């Protein structure tokens, strides 16, 4: 009877001897050691029409509100009207899908669509800065690739929040996204739970794509950067006048300019104006009585500029605060605010709260 032979499904094991085992070194695959192996997905056309220097020169940037239809989808007609009002009153850039624009409540498909829509409709008249940051480096890279692919002029990037990283990890995170195009770094420890210290900013500022910092920790930090040649935008409407005229800030990334872009332009472009700053202060304090964008959403609804639709977990301000807003508008002058309808106090039943969107 024939003897059965055994066969191995694996490749035959070659014997190179003990000397091979002692001297052999493992080598990583070539792709794993090439820096920036996955190159940014930016077209030459996009590169040619955007530059870091053009972003550095912007003085008034609005963190634009995202309006909604009653079913929770984007109200693009109201959005376009709001952006156009910004352009008419001299705003130079918009942050799309930031905290004010409720990017945290958007899917990435919605987010990139809104960036692309803004570029398509207004990219020739205003700089479009997409908030493509994330606490996941992978997500931040992917969203930033898509944002530049649809034509945004620059990206806004926050440091990894909640699941915090080390300072070295923060630098690595920013370096990965800075390779893709003009970038503004956003420091807001009250939301992220972690400050971006000057040591990190000075390190990443070596990148040619670093445009500057949106800084929310106060004017001492603003001046610390501007004295070292770093471009800074104040992230606080209540501090932006002094940041601009006393601490060297280039300008402001503003929430209040959604409501009164003309007055905010005067504040940032017109030289020191403490009387105007004082005039605007009650409105700004009102806006931030509750976490942004609750006040802004309530205000724009009462001005008749957007529908009174809120994506949860945001809800409108109390009736007393809604009455207070109408009084503020009348004191400052309705003509200084966006829209053409009379300002009015909305009833609680007028608001629509959306939990599935």
Protein backbone atom coordinates (compact mmCIF):
# COMPACT_ATOMS: atom_id res chain seq x y z
CA UNK A 1 0.00 0.00 0.00
CA UNK A 2 1.39 3.34 -1.01
CA UNK A 3 2.73 5.54 1.74
CA UNK A 4 0.82 8.84 2.05
CA UNK A 5 2.94 11.93 1.91
CA UNK A 6 2.12 15.02 4.04
CA UNK A 7 2.01 18.44 2.38
CA UNK A 8 2.13 21.83 4.07
CA UNK A 9 -0.06 24.69 2.83
CA UNK A 10 2.65 27.14 3.93
CA UNK A 11 5.81 27.95 2.02
CA UNK A 12 8.70 25.63 2.82
CA UNK A 13 10.81 26.87 5.69
CA UNK A 14 14.26 27.78 4.51
CA UNK A 15 17.20 27.20 6.79
CA UNK A 16 19.64 30.04 6.66
CA UNK A 17 21.52 28.96 9.72
CA UNK A 18 22.01 30.52 13.14
CA UNK A 19 24.04 33.42 11.76
CA UNK A 20 21.02 34.71 9.83
CA UNK A 21 18.84 34.64 12.92
CA UNK A 22 21.37 36.64 14.88
CA UNK A 23 21.95 39.30 12.21
CA UNK A 24 18.53 39.72 10.58
CA UNK A 25 16.73 43.04 11.16
CA UNK A 26 13.04 43.70 10.65
CA UNK A 27 12.30 46.55 8.27
CA UNK A 28 9.03 48.42 8.09
CA UNK A 29 7.13 48.65 4.80
CA UNK A 30 8.40 51.53 2.70
CA UNK A 31 5.10 53.47 2.81
CA UNK A 32 5.10 53.57 6.59
CA UNK A 33 8.29 55.60 6.77
CA UNK A 34 7.65 58.17 4.02
CA UNK A 35 6.56 61.48 5.60
CA UNK A 36 3.17 62.69 4.35
CA UNK A 37 2.73 59.58 2.22
CA UNK A 38 -0.96 60.47 1.83
CA UNK A 39 -0.56 63.79 0.06
CA UNK A 40 -3.16 66.52 0.57
CA UNK A 41 -5.97 66.38 -1.96
CA UNK A 42 -5.69 69.99 -3.17
CA UNK A 43 -5.91 70.99 -6.80
CA UNK A 44 -3.47 73.40 -8.39
CA UNK A 45 -6.36 75.79 -9.02
CA UNK A 46 -7.18 75.81 -5.31
CA UNK A 47 -3.55 76.34 -4.36
CA UNK A 48 -3.16 79.19 -6.81
CA UNK A 49 -6.12 81.18 -5.51
CA UNK A 50 -5.44 80.81 -1.81
CA UNK A 51 -2.47 81.82 0.27
CA UNK A 52 -1.58 82.01 3.91
CA UNK A 53 -0.73 85.70 3.55
CA UNK A 54 -4.22 86.51 2.26
CA UNK A 55 -5.71 84.87 5.37
CA UNK A 56 -3.32 86.72 7.70
CA UNK A 57 -4.60 90.05 6.41
CA UNK A 58 -8.26 89.47 7.35
CA UNK A 59 -9.52 91.72 10.11
CA UNK A 60 -13.23 90.96 10.50
CA UNK A 61 -14.32 87.33 10.27
CA UNK A 62 -17.83 86.22 11.20
CA UNK A 63 -18.44 82.84 12.80
CA UNK A 64 -21.55 82.43 10.69
CA UNK A 65 -24.85 81.04 11.99
CA UNK A 66 -26.43 78.00 10.30
CA UNK A 67 -30.23 78.43 9.94
CA UNK A 68 -32.67 75.50 9.79
CA UNK A 69 -35.95 74.54 8.18
CA UNK A 70 -38.78 73.22 10.40
CA UNK A 71 -37.68 69.63 9.69
CA UNK A 72 -34.13 70.37 10.86
CA UNK A 73 -32.43 70.52 7.46
CA UNK A 74 -30.33 73.53 6.47
CA UNK A 75 -32.27 76.59 5.36
CA UNK A 76 -29.90 77.57 2.55
CA UNK A 77 -32.05 80.49 1.43
CA UNK A 78 -31.81 82.12 4.86
CA UNK A 79 -28.13 81.17 5.08
CA UNK A 80 -27.36 82.85 1.75
CA UNK A 81 -29.19 86.00 2.81
CA UNK A 82 -27.22 86.12 6.06
CA UNK A 83 -23.86 85.64 4.33
CA UNK A 84 -24.75 88.28 1.76
CA UNK A 85 -25.56 90.75 4.55
CA UNK A 86 -22.09 90.13 5.94
CA UNK A 87 -20.48 90.86 2.59
CA UNK A 88 -22.50 94.04 2.05
CA UNK A 89 -21.41 95.37 5.46
CA UNK A 90 -17.72 94.72 4.87
CA UNK A 91 -17.01 91.39 6.60
CA UNK A 92 -13.92 89.80 5.02
CA UNK A 93 -14.28 86.14 5.99
CA UNK A 94 -16.67 83.57 7.43
CA UNK A 95 -16.07 80.52 9.60
CA UNK A 96 -18.38 77.79 8.31
CA UNK A 97 -19.56 75.09 10.69
CA UNK A 98 -17.78 76.44 13.74
CA UNK A 99 -19.21 76.33 17.25
CA UNK A 100 -21.48 79.27 16.39
CA UNK A 101 -22.53 77.53 13.18
CA UNK A 102 -23.17 74.32 15.15
CA UNK A 103 -20.70 72.15 13.31
CA UNK A 104 -20.80 69.93 16.40
CA UNK A 105 -24.42 69.06 15.49
CA UNK A 106 -23.68 68.29 11.83
CA UNK A 107 -22.76 65.10 10.06
CA UNK A 108 -19.54 65.42 8.08
CA UNK A 109 -21.59 65.18 4.87
CA UNK A 110 -23.61 68.22 5.95
CA UNK A 111 -20.47 70.00 7.06
CA UNK A 112 -18.55 69.60 3.79
CA UNK A 113 -21.66 70.35 1.74
CA UNK A 114 -22.13 73.67 3.54
CA UNK A 115 -18.47 74.60 3.02
CA UNK A 116 -18.75 73.77 -0.68
CA UNK A 117 -22.02 75.66 -1.00
CA UNK A 118 -20.52 78.75 0.62
CA UNK A 119 -17.49 78.65 -1.68
CA UNK A 120 -19.68 78.13 -4.74
CA UNK A 121 -21.98 81.06 -3.93
CA UNK A 122 -19.67 83.54 -2.21
CA UNK A 123 -16.05 82.39 -2.58
CA UNK A 124 -15.22 85.24 -4.95
CA UNK A 125 -16.43 87.88 -2.48
CA UNK A 126 -15.39 86.58 0.93
CA UNK A 127 -12.84 84.17 2.36
CA UNK A 128 -14.37 80.85 3.37
CA UNK A 129 -12.70 79.20 6.36
CA UNK A 130 -14.00 75.72 7.10
CA UNK A 131 -14.02 74.37 10.62
CA UNK A 132 -12.64 70.92 9.85
CA UNK A 133 -11.09 70.29 13.24
CA UNK A 134 -11.71 67.23 15.37
CA UNK A 135 -10.35 65.49 18.44
CA UNK A 136 -9.53 62.60 16.11
CA UNK A 137 -6.51 63.30 13.92
CA UNK A 138 -7.82 60.88 11.32
CA UNK A 139 -11.16 62.72 11.10
CA UNK A 140 -9.44 66.11 11.02
CA UNK A 141 -7.21 65.03 8.12
CA UNK A 142 -10.10 63.54 6.15
CA UNK A 143 -12.42 66.53 6.68
CA UNK A 144 -9.65 69.00 5.83
CA UNK A 145 -8.83 67.14 2.62
CA UNK A 146 -12.49 67.32 1.64
CA UNK A 147 -12.80 70.97 2.65
CA UNK A 148 -9.89 72.03 0.47
CA UNK A 149 -11.15 69.79 -2.34
CA UNK A 150 -14.44 71.74 -2.41
CA UNK A 151 -12.56 75.02 -2.44
CA UNK A 152 -12.31 76.46 1.07
CA UNK A 153 -9.60 79.09 1.46
CA UNK A 154 -8.39 77.99 4.89
CA UNK A 155 -9.12 75.58 7.73
CA UNK A 156 -9.85 76.23 11.39
CA UNK A 157 -8.41 73.63 13.77
CA UNK A 158 -9.03 73.09 17.45
CA UNK A 159 -6.84 71.03 19.77
CA UNK A 160 -8.05 67.51 20.61
CA UNK A 161 -10.77 67.96 23.25
CA UNK A 162 -12.23 65.59 25.87
CA UNK A 163 -9.76 62.80 25.13
CA UNK A 164 -6.84 65.15 25.72
CA UNK A 165 -3.33 64.47 24.53
CA UNK A 166 0.15 65.55 25.61
CA UNK A 167 1.79 68.71 24.30
CA UNK A 168 3.88 66.57 21.96
CA UNK A 169 0.71 64.88 20.74
CA UNK A 170 -0.89 68.29 20.20
CA UNK A 171 2.05 69.37 18.04
CA UNK A 172 1.87 66.15 16.02
CA UNK A 173 -1.88 66.60 15.52
CA UNK A 174 -1.48 70.16 14.22
CA UNK A 175 1.51 69.30 12.02
CA UNK A 176 -0.53 66.66 10.20
CA UNK A 177 -3.30 69.10 9.25
CA UNK A 178 -1.04 72.11 8.63
CA UNK A 179 0.54 70.29 5.70
CA UNK A 180 -2.72 70.63 3.76
CA UNK A 181 -3.17 74.38 3.42
CA UNK A 182 -3.65 77.72 5.20
CA UNK A 183 -4.70 77.08 8.80
CA UNK A 184 -5.93 79.03 11.82
CA UNK A 185 -5.39 77.36 15.20
CA UNK A 186 -8.25 77.86 17.66
CA UNK A 187 -7.56 78.05 21.40
CA UNK A 188 -10.68 77.98 23.61
CA UNK A 189 -9.89 76.11 26.85
CA UNK A 190 -13.38 76.80 28.26
CA UNK A 191 -14.73 74.38 25.64
CA UNK A 192 -11.85 71.95 25.10
CA UNK A 193 -10.71 71.66 28.72
CA UNK A 194 -7.08 72.14 27.66
CA UNK A 195 -5.08 75.26 26.87
CA UNK A 196 -2.81 75.42 23.82
CA UNK A 197 0.28 76.94 25.44
CA UNK A 198 2.65 79.34 23.63
CA UNK A 199 5.26 76.60 23.39
CA UNK A 200 3.00 74.64 21.05
CA UNK A 201 2.03 77.68 18.97
CA UNK A 202 5.65 78.77 18.50
CA UNK A 203 6.51 75.25 17.31
CA UNK A 204 3.71 74.91 14.75
CA UNK A 205 4.15 78.54 13.64
CA UNK A 206 7.24 77.37 11.72
CA UNK A 207 4.90 75.89 9.09
CA UNK A 208 4.41 78.00 5.97
CA UNK A 209 0.69 77.21 6.17
CA UNK A 210 0.27 78.60 9.68
CA UNK A 211 -1.90 81.73 9.36
CA UNK A 212 -2.38 82.55 13.04
CA UNK A 213 -4.35 81.92 16.21
CA UNK A 214 -7.92 82.55 17.27
CA UNK A 215 -7.19 83.22 20.94
CA UNK A 216 -9.82 83.18 23.68
CA UNK A 217 -7.70 83.26 26.86
CA UNK A 218 -7.39 87.05 27.04
CA UNK A 219 -5.38 90.00 25.82
CA UNK A 220 -2.23 89.22 27.78
CA UNK A 221 -1.80 86.11 25.65
CA UNK A 222 -2.74 88.07 22.52
CA UNK A 223 0.04 90.57 23.16
CA UNK A 224 2.52 87.80 23.98
CA UNK A 225 2.00 86.45 20.48
CA UNK A 226 1.82 89.71 18.56
CA UNK A 227 5.09 90.91 20.10
CA UNK A 228 6.67 87.83 18.53
CA UNK A 229 5.19 88.39 15.08
CA UNK A 230 2.34 85.87 15.31
CA UNK A 231 -1.00 86.90 13.81
CA UNK A 232 -3.85 86.75 16.31
CA UNK A 233 -7.60 87.18 16.08
CA UNK A 234 -9.46 87.81 19.31
CA UNK A 235 -12.07 85.14 19.90
CA UNK A 236 -13.92 87.29 22.43
CA UNK A 237 -16.26 90.02 21.23
CA UNK A 238 -16.10 91.78 24.60
CA UNK A 239 -12.28 92.07 24.37
CA UNK A 240 -11.78 92.56 20.65
CA UNK A 241 -11.65 96.38 20.63
CA UNK A 242 -8.80 96.48 23.13
CA UNK A 243 -7.15 93.44 21.53
CA UNK A 244 -7.11 95.23 18.18
CA UNK A 245 -6.08 98.71 19.26
CA UNK A 246 -4.02 98.13 22.41
CA UNK A 247 -2.54 94.61 22.11
CA UNK A 248 -1.69 94.23 18.43
CA UNK A 249 -4.40 91.79 17.30
CA UNK A 250 -5.10 91.72 13.57
CA UNK A 251 -8.83 91.58 14.20
CA UNK A 252 -11.63 89.42 15.55
CA UNK A 253 -13.50 86.23 14.75
CA UNK A 254 -16.87 87.46 15.86
CA UNK A 255 -20.28 86.19 16.92
CA UNK A 256 -21.80 89.66 17.31
CA UNK A 257 -21.09 90.49 13.66
CA UNK A 258 -23.86 88.07 12.69
CA UNK A 259 -26.23 90.65 14.17
CA UNK A 260 -24.49 93.98 13.58
CA UNK A 261 -21.73 93.54 10.99
CA UNK A 262 -21.53 97.24 10.18
CA UNK A 263 -20.94 98.28 13.78
CA UNK A 264 -18.38 95.50 14.28
CA UNK A 265 -16.54 96.64 11.16
CA UNK A 266 -16.44 100.18 12.51
CA UNK A 267 -15.09 98.84 15.80
CA UNK A 268 -12.27 96.91 14.09
CA UNK A 269 -11.42 99.23 11.19
CA UNK A 270 -12.13 102.73 12.50
CA UNK A 271 -9.47 103.24 15.13
CA UNK A 272 -9.90 103.42 18.88
CA UNK A 273 -13.54 104.00 19.68
CA UNK A 274 -14.29 103.40 23.37
CA UNK A 275 -17.75 104.97 23.08
CA UNK A 276 -18.84 102.49 20.41
CA UNK A 277 -17.29 99.65 22.40
CA UNK A 278 -19.27 100.73 25.45
CA UNK A 279 -22.43 100.99 23.35
CA UNK A 280 -22.07 97.42 22.12
CA UNK A 281 -21.12 95.89 25.47
CA UNK A 282 -24.69 95.26 26.77
CA UNK A 283 -25.54 93.43 23.54
CA UNK A 284 -22.38 91.33 23.73
CA UNK A 285 -23.01 90.44 27.37
CA UNK A 286 -26.57 89.49 26.46
CA UNK A 287 -25.31 87.24 23.64
CA UNK A 288 -23.18 85.20 26.02
CA UNK A 289 -25.55 85.03 28.99
CA UNK A 290 -25.97 81.36 28.07
CA UNK A 291 -23.45 79.29 26.10
CA UNK A 292 -23.06 80.39 22.49
CA UNK A 293 -24.95 79.99 20.10
CA UNK A 294 -28.14 80.04 22.21
CA UNK A 295 -28.32 83.83 22.40
CA UNK A 296 -27.47 84.33 18.72
CA UNK A 297 -30.08 81.81 17.57
CA UNK A 298 -32.72 83.53 19.69
CA UNK A 299 -31.73 86.99 18.46
CA UNK A 300 -31.73 86.17 14.75
CA UNK A 301 -35.14 84.51 15.09
CA UNK A 302 -36.58 87.61 16.77
CA UNK A 303 -35.11 89.79 14.03
CA UNK A 304 -36.96 87.66 11.49
CA UNK A 305 -33.75 86.69 9.70
CA UNK A 306 -33.99 82.95 10.43
CA UNK A 307 -36.82 80.62 11.35
CA UNK A 308 -37.17 79.96 15.11
CA UNK A 309 -35.86 76.41 14.75
CA UNK A 310 -33.34 74.94 17.19
CA UNK A 311 -31.46 71.70 16.89
CA UNK A 312 -31.34 70.20 20.36
CA UNK A 313 -29.66 70.36 22.81
CA UNK A 314 -29.92 74.13 22.19
CA UNK A 315 -33.10 75.84 23.34
CA UNK A 316 -34.13 79.53 23.18
CA UNK A 317 -33.42 82.04 25.91
CA UNK A 318 -36.05 82.75 28.54
CA UNK A 319 -38.92 85.14 27.88
CA UNK A 320 -37.30 87.79 30.08
CA UNK A 321 -34.09 87.66 28.02
CA UNK A 322 -36.10 87.76 24.78
CA UNK A 323 -37.78 90.96 25.95
CA UNK A 324 -34.40 92.36 26.93
CA UNK A 325 -33.08 91.77 23.42
CA UNK A 326 -35.89 93.76 21.82
CA UNK A 327 -35.09 96.65 24.16
CA UNK A 328 -31.39 96.46 23.25
CA UNK A 329 -32.18 96.59 19.54
CA UNK A 330 -34.37 99.64 20.03
CA UNK A 331 -31.67 101.38 22.09
CA UNK A 332 -28.87 100.70 19.59
CA UNK A 333 -31.12 101.28 16.57
CA UNK A 334 -32.88 98.68 14.44
CA UNK A 335 -31.09 100.04 11.37
CA UNK A 336 -27.77 98.74 12.75
CA UNK A 337 -28.94 95.11 12.75
CA UNK A 338 -29.32 92.59 9.94
CA UNK A 339 -32.68 92.06 8.27
CA UNK A 340 -35.55 94.37 7.47
CA UNK A 341 -38.40 93.04 9.60
CA UNK A 342 -39.43 94.63 12.88
CA UNK A 343 -37.84 93.02 15.91
CA UNK A 344 -40.38 91.28 18.12
CA UNK A 345 -40.66 89.12 21.20
CA UNK A 346 -41.41 85.54 20.21
CA UNK A 347 -43.61 83.35 22.38
CA UNK A 348 -42.25 80.06 23.64
CA UNK A 349 -44.72 78.24 21.38
CA UNK A 350 -43.20 79.93 18.33
CA UNK A 351 -39.98 77.94 18.66
CA UNK A 352 -39.49 74.52 17.10
CA UNK A 353 -37.08 72.13 18.84
CA UNK A 354 -35.69 69.33 16.66
CA UNK A 355 -34.29 66.16 18.22
CA UNK A 356 -33.78 64.09 15.03
CA UNK A 357 -31.93 65.80 12.23
